[in-house]
C-alpha atoms as a PDB file:
ATOM      1  CA  UNK A   1       6.128  15.578   0.581  1.00  0.00           C
ATOM      2  CA  UNK A   2       9.444  15.374   1.823  1.00  0.00           C
ATOM      3  CA  UNK A   3       9.870  11.307   1.898  1.00  0.00           C
ATOM      4  CA  UNK A   4       8.859   8.466  -0.439  1.00  0.00           C
ATOM      5  CA  UNK A   5       5.613   7.017   0.971  1.00  0.00           C
ATOM      6  CA  UNK A   6       5.733   4.043  -1.356  1.00  0.00           C
ATOM      7  CA  UNK A   7       7.273   1.136   0.276  1.00  0.00           C
ATOM      8  CA  UNK A   8       7.472  -2.547  -0.744  1.00  0.00           C
ATOM      9  CA  UNK A   9       8.533  -5.920   0.377  1.00  0.00           C
ATOM     10  CA  UNK A  10      10.669  -6.771  -2.751  1.00  0.00           C
ATOM     11  CA  UNK A  11      13.644  -7.911  -1.060  1.00  0.00           C
ATOM     12  CA  UNK A  12      11.794 -10.334   1.418  1.00  0.00           C
ATOM     13  CA  UNK A  13       9.853 -11.647  -1.845  1.00  0.00           C
ATOM     14  CA  UNK A  14      12.972 -12.198  -3.776  1.00  0.00           C
ATOM     15  CA  UNK A  15      14.409 -14.513  -1.109  1.00  0.00           C
ATOM     16  CA  UNK A  16      10.983 -16.282  -0.713  1.00  0.00           C
ATOM     17  CA  UNK A  17      10.976 -17.208  -4.562  1.00  0.00           C
ATOM     18  CA  UNK A  18      13.900 -19.463  -4.679  1.00  0.00           C
ATOM     19  CA  UNK A  19      16.514 -16.606  -3.563  1.00  0.00           C
ATOM     20  CA  UNK A  20      15.849 -14.636  -6.816  1.00  0.00           C
ATOM     21  CA  UNK A  21      18.815 -12.349  -7.413  1.00  0.00           C
ATOM     22  CA  UNK A  22      18.108  -8.669  -8.153  1.00  0.00           C
ATOM     23  CA  UNK A  23      19.420  -9.275 -11.624  1.00  0.00           C
ATOM     24  CA  UNK A  24      17.034 -11.942 -12.216  1.00  0.00           C
ATOM     25  CA  UNK A  25      14.139  -9.981 -11.096  1.00  0.00           C
ATOM     26  CA  UNK A  26      15.349  -7.030 -13.472  1.00  0.00           C
ATOM     27  CA  UNK A  27      15.487  -9.105 -16.259  1.00  0.00           C
ATOM     28  CA  UNK A  28      12.088 -10.591 -15.645  1.00  0.00           C
ATOM     29  CA  UNK A  29      10.549  -7.204 -15.354  1.00  0.00           C
ATOM     30  CA  UNK A  30      12.509  -5.370 -17.994  1.00  0.00           C
ATOM     31  CA  UNK A  31      14.639  -3.136 -15.855  1.00  0.00           C
ATOM     32  CA  UNK A  32      18.276  -2.531 -14.896  1.00  0.00           C
ATOM     33  CA  UNK A  33      19.350  -4.376 -11.676  1.00  0.00           C
ATOM     34  CA  UNK A  34      20.176  -0.656 -10.288  1.00  0.00           C
ATOM     35  CA  UNK A  35      16.484  -0.054 -10.476  1.00  0.00           C
ATOM     36  CA  UNK A  36      15.634  -2.872  -8.273  1.00  0.00           C
ATOM     37  CA  UNK A  37      18.321  -1.848  -5.997  1.00  0.00           C
ATOM     38  CA  UNK A  38      16.827   1.674  -5.875  1.00  0.00           C
ATOM     39  CA  UNK A  39      13.238   0.253  -5.436  1.00  0.00           C
ATOM     40  CA  UNK A  40      14.499  -1.935  -2.274  1.00  0.00           C
ATOM     41  CA  UNK A  41      16.335   1.017  -0.740  1.00  0.00           C
ATOM     42  CA  UNK A  42      13.013   3.274  -1.022  1.00  0.00           C
ATOM     43  CA  UNK A  43      14.784   5.691  -3.229  1.00  0.00           C
ATOM     44  CA  UNK A  44      12.518   5.142  -6.039  1.00  0.00           C
ATOM     45  CA  UNK A  45       8.843   4.727  -6.653  1.00  0.00           C
ATOM     46  CA  UNK A  46       7.965   2.627  -9.661  1.00  0.00           C
ATOM     47  CA  UNK A  47       5.606   3.552 -12.324  1.00  0.00           C
ATOM     48  CA  UNK A  48       2.335   1.808 -12.093  1.00  0.00           C
ATOM     49  CA  UNK A  49       3.128  -0.295 -14.992  1.00  0.00           C
ATOM     50  CA  UNK A  50       6.424  -1.545 -13.376  1.00  0.00           C
ATOM     51  CA  UNK A  51       4.696  -2.179 -10.153  1.00  0.00           C
ATOM     52  CA  UNK A  52       2.308  -4.276 -11.782  1.00  0.00           C
ATOM     53  CA  UNK A  53       5.073  -6.197 -13.754  1.00  0.00           C
ATOM     54  CA  UNK A  54       6.863  -6.829 -10.599  1.00  0.00           C
ATOM     55  CA  UNK A  55       3.644  -8.080  -8.560  1.00  0.00           C
ATOM     56  CA  UNK A  56       3.048 -10.411 -11.725  1.00  0.00           C
ATOM     57  CA  UNK A  57       6.531 -11.671 -11.459  1.00  0.00           C
ATOM     58  CA  UNK A  58       5.771 -13.014  -7.917  1.00  0.00           C
ATOM     59  CA  UNK A  59       2.503 -13.916  -8.829  1.00  0.00           C
ATOM     60  CA  UNK A  60       1.058 -11.743  -6.223  1.00  0.00           C
ATOM     61  CA  UNK A  61      -1.520  -8.761  -5.992  1.00  0.00           C
ATOM     62  CA  UNK A  62      -0.238  -5.520  -6.002  1.00  0.00           C
ATOM     63  CA  UNK A  63      -1.064  -4.678  -2.491  1.00  0.00           C
ATOM     64  CA  UNK A  64       0.916  -7.739  -1.259  1.00  0.00           C
ATOM     65  CA  UNK A  65       4.093  -6.235  -3.066  1.00  0.00           C
ATOM     66  CA  UNK A  66       3.579  -2.651  -2.337  1.00  0.00           C
ATOM     67  CA  UNK A  67       2.270  -0.420   0.397  1.00  0.00           C
ATOM     68  CA  UNK A  68       1.473   3.252   0.887  1.00  0.00           C
ATOM     69  CA  UNK A  69       2.428   5.103   4.147  1.00  0.00           C
ATOM     70  CA  UNK A  70       4.740   4.488   7.126  1.00  0.00           C
ATOM     71  CA  UNK A  71       3.445   0.947   8.027  1.00  0.00           C
ATOM     72  CA  UNK A  72       3.490  -1.968   5.734  1.00  0.00           C
ATOM     73  CA  UNK A  73       0.561  -4.513   5.692  1.00  0.00           C
ATOM     74  CA  UNK A  74       1.793  -7.651   7.100  1.00  0.00           C
END
């Protein structure tokens, strides 16, 4: 596999949740802001635990935050 196939809607969700900053999300889920940046750019696939913590931070099921493959579920 040459490309990361796990995508996410984190950037969109942050703005839909009171324009949450990357730092606020990072603090809420226990990672650095740089980790959130890497996730949003698609340069990093989170652990299963972190993926669940992010989904919980938005109050959404995992599959509404993350998707697998080329096309996001809208």
